[in-house]
Protein backbone atom coordinates (compact mmCIF):
# COMPACT_ATOMS: atom_id res chain seq x y z
CA UNK A 1 74.85 131.29 138.05
CA UNK A 2 75.56 132.15 141.67
CA UNK A 3 77.23 135.31 142.91
CA UNK A 4 79.77 134.98 145.72
CA UNK A 5 80.35 138.15 147.75
CA UNK A 6 83.29 138.37 150.09
CA UNK A 7 84.80 141.30 151.95
CA UNK A 8 86.97 142.37 149.02
CA UNK A 9 84.21 142.35 146.42
CA UNK A 10 81.86 144.13 148.82
CA UNK A 11 84.38 146.89 149.46
CA UNK A 12 85.27 147.34 145.79
CA UNK A 13 81.64 147.40 144.77
CA UNK A 14 80.71 149.87 147.46
CA UNK A 15 83.65 152.09 146.57
CA UNK A 16 82.43 152.25 142.99
CA UNK A 17 78.94 153.13 144.19
CA UNK A 18 80.29 155.92 146.37
CA UNK A 19 82.39 157.46 143.58
CA UNK A 20 79.49 159.66 142.49
CA UNK A 21 78.49 160.79 145.99
CA UNK A 22 80.17 164.19 145.79
CA UNK A 23 78.08 165.85 148.47
CA UNK A 24 78.91 163.04 150.90
CA UNK A 25 82.57 163.15 149.93
CA UNK A 26 82.75 166.84 150.77
CA UNK A 27 81.41 166.21 154.29
CA UNK A 28 84.54 165.45 156.31
CA UNK A 29 82.63 164.09 159.32
CA UNK A 30 80.55 161.78 157.15
CA UNK A 31 83.66 160.51 155.35
CA UNK A 32 85.44 159.79 158.65
CA UNK A 33 82.46 157.83 159.95
CA UNK A 34 81.72 155.95 156.76
CA UNK A 35 85.26 155.09 155.73
CA UNK A 36 86.42 153.73 159.04
CA UNK A 37 87.13 150.06 158.26
CA UNK A 38 84.35 148.67 160.41
CA UNK A 39 81.59 151.10 159.45
CA UNK A 40 82.50 150.93 155.76
CA UNK A 41 82.41 147.14 155.80
CA UNK A 42 79.01 147.09 157.51
CA UNK A 43 77.65 149.74 155.15
CA UNK A 44 78.98 147.91 152.11
CA UNK A 45 77.53 144.53 153.04
CA UNK A 46 74.16 145.90 154.12
CA UNK A 47 73.90 148.12 151.01
CA UNK A 48 74.76 145.45 148.46
CA UNK A 49 72.83 142.60 150.09
CA UNK A 50 69.21 142.46 151.25
CA UNK A 51 68.72 142.84 154.99
CA UNK A 52 67.32 139.31 155.11
CA UNK A 53 69.83 137.75 152.67
CA UNK A 54 70.51 134.19 153.78
CA UNK A 55 73.88 132.64 154.55
CA UNK A 56 74.55 129.58 152.40
CA UNK A 57 73.07 126.33 153.69
CA UNK A 58 74.61 122.94 152.89
CA UNK A 59 73.53 119.34 152.30
CA UNK A 60 73.69 116.72 155.07
CA UNK A 61 76.50 114.89 153.27
CA UNK A 62 78.64 118.03 153.50
CA UNK A 63 78.63 118.14 157.31
CA UNK A 64 82.16 118.08 158.74
CA UNK A 65 83.12 114.82 160.50
CA UNK A 66 84.31 116.83 163.51
CA UNK A 67 83.14 120.28 164.54
CA UNK A 68 86.13 121.92 166.18
CA UNK A 69 85.27 124.12 169.19
CA UNK A 70 86.14 127.78 168.94
CA UNK A 71 87.18 129.94 171.85
CA UNK A 72 86.64 128.50 175.33
CA UNK A 73 86.25 124.69 175.42
CA UNK A 74 84.96 124.56 179.01
CA UNK A 75 84.11 127.46 181.37
CA UNK A 76 85.09 125.18 184.28
CA UNK A 77 83.87 127.57 186.96
CA UNK A 78 82.19 126.19 190.11
CA UNK A 79 78.89 127.71 188.96
CA UNK A 80 79.09 126.17 185.50
CA UNK A 81 80.18 122.76 186.83
CA UNK A 82 77.12 122.73 189.14
CA UNK A 83 74.81 123.50 186.21
CA UNK A 84 76.45 120.78 184.09
CA UNK A 85 76.16 118.14 186.84
CA UNK A 86 72.41 118.77 187.07
CA UNK A 87 72.00 118.41 183.31
CA UNK A 88 71.36 122.17 183.22
CA UNK A 89 68.03 121.66 185.00
CA UNK A 90 68.69 124.78 187.10
CA UNK A 91 70.03 126.88 184.23
CA UNK A 92 67.97 129.84 183.06
CA UNK A 93 68.36 132.26 180.17
CA UNK A 94 67.44 135.76 181.30
CA UNK A 95 66.18 138.50 178.99
CA UNK A 96 66.55 141.94 180.51
CA UNK A 97 67.03 145.59 179.70
CA UNK A 98 64.80 147.50 177.33
CA UNK A 99 61.98 144.96 177.22
CA UNK A 100 58.37 145.18 178.34
CA UNK A 101 58.39 141.67 179.74
CA UNK A 102 61.64 140.38 181.30
CA UNK A 103 61.99 136.62 180.86
CA UNK A 104 63.72 133.73 182.60
CA UNK A 105 63.57 130.64 180.39
CA UNK A 106 64.57 127.08 181.24
CA UNK A 107 66.14 124.76 178.71
CA UNK A 108 62.93 122.72 178.65
CA UNK A 109 60.92 125.82 177.80
CA UNK A 110 63.27 126.65 174.94
CA UNK A 111 63.02 123.07 173.65
CA UNK A 112 59.22 123.38 173.61
CA UNK A 113 59.24 126.46 171.35
CA UNK A 114 59.15 126.28 167.54
CA UNK A 115 62.64 125.64 166.30
CA UNK A 116 64.69 125.93 163.13
CA UNK A 117 67.32 123.60 161.68
CA UNK A 118 70.08 124.84 159.40
CA UNK A 119 73.29 123.38 158.02
CA UNK A 120 75.81 126.21 157.81
CA UNK A 121 79.54 126.86 157.76
CA UNK A 122 81.29 128.31 160.78
CA UNK A 123 84.22 130.53 159.77
CA UNK A 124 86.72 131.19 162.55
CA UNK A 125 88.94 134.26 162.62
CA UNK A 126 91.84 131.83 163.27
CA UNK A 127 91.50 130.58 159.68
CA UNK A 128 89.56 127.31 159.94
CA UNK A 129 85.97 126.46 159.08
CA UNK A 130 83.53 123.61 159.71
CA UNK A 131 80.03 122.75 158.54
CA UNK A 132 77.45 121.70 161.10
CA UNK A 133 73.72 121.18 161.50
CA UNK A 134 72.26 123.46 164.15
CA UNK A 135 68.87 123.31 165.81
CA UNK A 136 67.49 126.06 167.99
CA UNK A 137 64.86 128.70 168.63
CA UNK A 138 64.74 131.68 166.29
CA UNK A 139 65.94 134.61 168.36
CA UNK A 140 63.11 136.73 166.97
CA UNK A 141 60.51 134.54 168.73
CA UNK A 142 62.09 135.15 172.13
CA UNK A 143 62.47 138.88 171.48
CA UNK A 144 58.83 139.17 170.47
CA UNK A 145 57.80 137.35 173.65
CA UNK A 146 59.89 139.82 175.68
CA UNK A 147 58.21 142.77 173.95
CA UNK A 148 61.28 144.67 172.85
CA UNK A 149 61.27 148.43 173.33
CA UNK A 150 61.58 150.61 170.25
CA UNK A 151 64.54 152.24 172.03
CA UNK A 152 66.60 149.02 171.94
CA UNK A 153 69.37 149.15 169.34
CA UNK A 154 71.60 146.26 170.41
CA UNK A 155 71.49 142.93 172.16
CA UNK A 156 74.31 142.08 174.56
CA UNK A 157 74.97 138.35 175.13
CA UNK A 158 76.47 137.58 178.53
CA UNK A 159 78.25 134.25 178.90
CA UNK A 160 79.37 131.82 181.63
CA UNK A 161 83.01 131.54 180.56
CA UNK A 162 85.67 133.67 182.21
CA UNK A 163 88.61 134.58 180.01
CA UNK A 164 92.28 134.53 180.95
CA UNK A 165 92.07 137.98 182.53
CA UNK A 166 89.10 136.91 184.66
CA UNK A 167 86.57 138.90 182.65
CA UNK A 168 83.42 137.18 181.38
CA UNK A 169 82.99 136.72 177.66
CA UNK A 170 80.32 138.83 176.01
CA UNK A 171 79.24 139.81 172.53
CA UNK A 172 76.62 142.00 170.88
CA UNK A 173 74.68 142.38 167.65
CA UNK A 174 72.28 144.96 166.30
CA UNK A 175 68.60 144.51 165.54
CA UNK A 176 69.10 143.73 161.85
CA UNK A 177 71.01 140.57 162.74
CA UNK A 178 68.87 139.90 165.83
CA UNK A 179 65.73 139.48 163.72
CA UNK A 180 67.42 137.70 160.81
CA UNK A 181 65.71 134.33 160.15
CA UNK A 182 68.97 132.38 160.51
CA UNK A 183 69.88 133.93 163.88
CA UNK A 184 68.99 131.27 166.42
CA UNK A 185 69.60 130.25 170.00
CA UNK A 186 71.06 126.82 169.32
CA UNK A 187 70.78 123.89 171.72
CA UNK A 188 71.77 121.04 169.37
CA UNK A 189 74.59 120.32 166.92
CA UNK A 190 74.41 117.48 164.40
CA UNK A 191 71.24 116.10 166.04
CA UNK A 192 72.85 115.84 169.47
CA UNK A 193 72.57 118.18 172.48
CA UNK A 194 75.38 120.71 172.51
CA UNK A 195 78.59 119.39 174.05
CA UNK A 196 80.36 121.55 176.60
CA UNK A 197 83.11 122.31 174.08
CA UNK A 198 80.55 123.67 171.61
CA UNK A 199 78.74 125.92 174.07
CA UNK A 200 76.27 123.88 176.17
CA UNK A 201 73.55 124.43 177.02
CA UNK A 202 72.86 127.28 174.58
CA UNK A 203 74.79 129.39 172.13
CA UNK A 204 74.09 132.09 169.60
CA UNK A 205 74.26 131.36 165.90
CA UNK A 206 74.42 134.54 163.83
CA UNK A 207 75.29 132.97 160.51
CA UNK A 208 76.36 136.03 158.56
CA UNK A 209 79.22 136.82 160.95
CA UNK A 210 82.56 135.30 161.96
CA UNK A 211 82.79 132.73 164.75
CA UNK A 212 83.75 134.99 167.64
CA UNK A 213 80.34 136.67 167.36
CA UNK A 214 78.59 133.31 168.05
CA UNK A 215 78.56 133.62 171.83
CA UNK A 216 78.65 130.33 173.79
CA UNK A 217 77.45 129.33 177.29
CA UNK A 218 74.67 131.92 177.21
CA UNK A 219 73.34 133.20 180.53
CA UNK A 220 71.64 136.49 179.75
CA UNK A 221 70.56 138.67 176.84
CA UNK A 222 70.26 142.38 177.59
CA UNK A 223 68.57 144.84 175.24
CA UNK A 224 70.32 148.23 175.29
CA UNK A 225 70.33 151.51 173.41
CA UNK A 226 74.12 151.94 173.53
CA UNK A 227 77.22 149.78 174.01
CA UNK A 228 79.32 152.54 175.54
CA UNK A 229 78.89 151.53 179.18
CA UNK A 230 79.36 147.78 178.72
CA UNK A 231 82.78 146.14 179.10
CA UNK A 232 85.30 148.29 177.29
CA UNK A 233 82.55 149.94 175.26
CA UNK A 234 83.37 148.31 171.91
CA UNK A 235 80.65 145.67 171.93
CA UNK A 236 82.52 142.45 172.70
CA UNK A 237 85.36 140.86 174.64
CA UNK A 238 87.76 140.59 171.70
CA UNK A 239 86.66 143.95 170.34
CA UNK A 240 87.67 145.47 173.69
CA UNK A 241 90.87 143.49 174.18
CA UNK A 242 92.28 142.96 170.67
CA UNK A 243 90.52 145.53 168.46
CA UNK A 244 88.53 142.93 166.56
CA UNK A 245 85.87 144.43 164.32
CA UNK A 246 82.51 144.74 166.05
CA UNK A 247 80.80 144.01 162.74
CA UNK A 248 82.33 140.74 161.52
CA UNK A 249 80.17 140.08 158.48
CA UNK A 250 81.15 137.44 155.91
């Protein structure tokens, strides 16, 4: 028998667990922090599920016939068009910030690293979903090569697409999701190189979160100890602009 946990069951279960925590309940500051919608959701999911719990993986015959693009379908900036025309030969993924060894990796170098394949479901905040087969480098391998500092708490993913207000798209995750085995830097979808609409040449797949967290058109990953000085300080473009949850676990 399988157990399906969604946001509602997580919240109800966590609420029952907390009912006996009288000392915590009497601490007003702790209650305010814990019971904010976002923090409570993250606490509930991480408390009731193992840190390395896997998102469901599917069979090849369950792959969707068409994988609809989410968010931007083409950055269409002069810089991106130049990279695309060269087959992304001049593209580099930079790793910066709180690392002992900053990196600048070509697409060929990423292709040469050990990779992982996974067939997972993409759930979009707009209400649609699609199942696809992703291939890419486990993010943990790249982070280990960059020698992450113990002070790093978050990874910020900087992207090539400019949004309607002219601001670049960005997202962030914490180290629990960064080192999760299903978190990969994907360069292929359904055994084909990523199309522009799906995030070429490289996108994040963080399978336990909603689609807007899966940053496309990656250009740089920065390791930081706080999100407060980045963008609007809430950890992502839509978090800043539309009050989306920073933690979008499913």
